[in-house]
Protein backbone atom coordinates (compact mmCIF):
# COMPACT_ATOMS: atom_id res chain seq x y z
CA UNK A 1 -0.33 -0.01 -0.03
CA UNK A 2 2.13 2.73 -1.41
CA UNK A 3 1.86 6.13 0.39
CA UNK A 4 -0.44 4.69 3.25
CA UNK A 5 1.59 5.55 6.48
CA UNK A 6 1.14 4.61 10.08
CA UNK A 7 -2.22 6.74 10.42
CA UNK A 8 -4.17 4.45 8.58
CA UNK A 9 -6.39 4.84 5.11
CA UNK A 10 -8.91 6.82 6.43
CA UNK A 11 -8.77 10.65 4.93
CA UNK A 12 -5.88 9.27 2.17
CA UNK A 13 -6.37 9.55 -1.62
CA UNK A 14 -6.22 7.08 -4.08
CA UNK A 15 -5.92 5.29 -7.30
CA UNK A 16 -6.87 1.91 -7.85
CA UNK A 17 -5.56 0.05 -11.21
CA UNK A 18 -6.85 -3.10 -13.20
CA UNK A 19 -5.34 -6.17 -14.02
CA UNK A 20 -3.15 -4.46 -16.98
CA UNK A 21 -2.24 -1.52 -15.01
CA UNK A 22 -4.16 1.36 -16.09
CA UNK A 23 -6.02 3.47 -14.18
CA UNK A 24 -9.55 1.86 -12.52
CA UNK A 25 -10.82 4.62 -9.96
CA UNK A 26 -9.83 7.82 -8.01
CA UNK A 27 -11.19 8.53 -4.90
CA UNK A 28 -10.84 9.19 -1.11
CA UNK A 29 -11.14 6.59 1.71
CA UNK A 30 -13.66 7.64 4.08
CA UNK A 31 -14.56 5.25 6.51
CA UNK A 32 -13.26 1.72 7.97
CA UNK A 33 -16.41 0.11 8.07
CA UNK A 34 -15.14 -3.47 9.83
CA UNK A 35 -11.42 -4.58 10.13
CA UNK A 36 -11.18 -5.58 6.06
CA UNK A 37 -13.98 -3.12 4.86
CA UNK A 38 -13.42 0.57 4.12
CA UNK A 39 -16.28 2.95 2.37
CA UNK A 40 -14.49 5.06 -0.20
CA UNK A 41 -15.89 8.20 -1.98
CA UNK A 42 -15.34 7.77 -6.06
CA UNK A 43 -14.40 10.75 -8.17
CA UNK A 44 -15.05 11.50 -11.93
CA UNK A 45 -12.28 11.45 -14.12
CA UNK A 46 -13.48 14.54 -16.06
CA UNK A 47 -14.14 16.76 -13.80
CA UNK A 48 -13.63 15.41 -10.68
CA UNK A 49 -16.73 15.62 -8.84
CA UNK A 50 -17.42 13.06 -6.10
CA UNK A 51 -19.39 10.27 -7.79
CA UNK A 52 -20.52 7.01 -6.74
CA UNK A 53 -19.65 5.72 -2.56
CA UNK A 54 -18.37 2.81 -2.62
CA UNK A 55 -17.13 -0.62 -0.43
CA UNK A 56 -14.18 -1.60 -0.85
CA UNK A 57 -12.07 -4.74 0.87
CA UNK A 58 -8.84 -4.11 2.56
CA UNK A 59 -7.70 -6.87 -0.42
CA UNK A 60 -8.51 -3.94 -2.91
CA UNK A 61 -7.26 -0.96 -1.67
CA UNK A 62 -3.60 -3.07 -0.61
CA UNK A 63 -2.73 -2.81 -4.32
CA UNK A 64 -3.52 1.21 -4.46
CA UNK A 65 -1.55 4.22 -4.93
CA UNK A 66 -2.41 6.34 -1.86
CA UNK A 67 -1.75 9.95 -1.79
CA UNK A 68 -1.83 12.47 0.87
CA UNK A 69 -4.32 15.31 -0.71
CA UNK A 70 -5.81 15.29 -3.82
CA UNK A 71 -3.94 17.80 -5.31
CA UNK A 72 -0.74 15.12 -5.47
CA UNK A 73 -3.44 12.63 -6.35
CA UNK A 74 -4.27 14.68 -9.60
CA UNK A 75 -0.57 15.46 -10.24
CA UNK A 76 0.23 12.13 -10.34
CA UNK A 77 -2.38 11.37 -12.82
CA UNK A 78 -1.27 14.99 -14.75
CA UNK A 79 2.30 13.86 -15.00
CA UNK A 80 1.34 10.54 -17.13
CA UNK A 81 1.52 10.68 -21.10
CA UNK A 82 -1.95 10.36 -22.91
CA UNK A 83 -1.18 6.74 -23.63
CA UNK A 84 -0.99 6.01 -19.97
CA UNK A 85 -4.07 7.65 -18.79
CA UNK A 86 -6.09 6.25 -21.62
CA UNK A 87 -5.56 2.79 -20.26
CA UNK A 88 -7.45 3.57 -17.54
């Protein structure tokens, strides 16, 4: 879990990835519902507005890249080539 640190996942921003390595979701971890289940707020790719709330397993989150801020998350995506962005 890249970037998760010792304070836990709640409040962190993240990208999840497809099996092929492209972007899948972008969002923020809202709450820990159970020891292995988290509530996340997903955000739209194009305009970045809040989208669906999703329950996600800890196993799924273990494959995510985490960021302290939404600016860091957006910068990570922006710094990729157009090909890498379209894979998600």
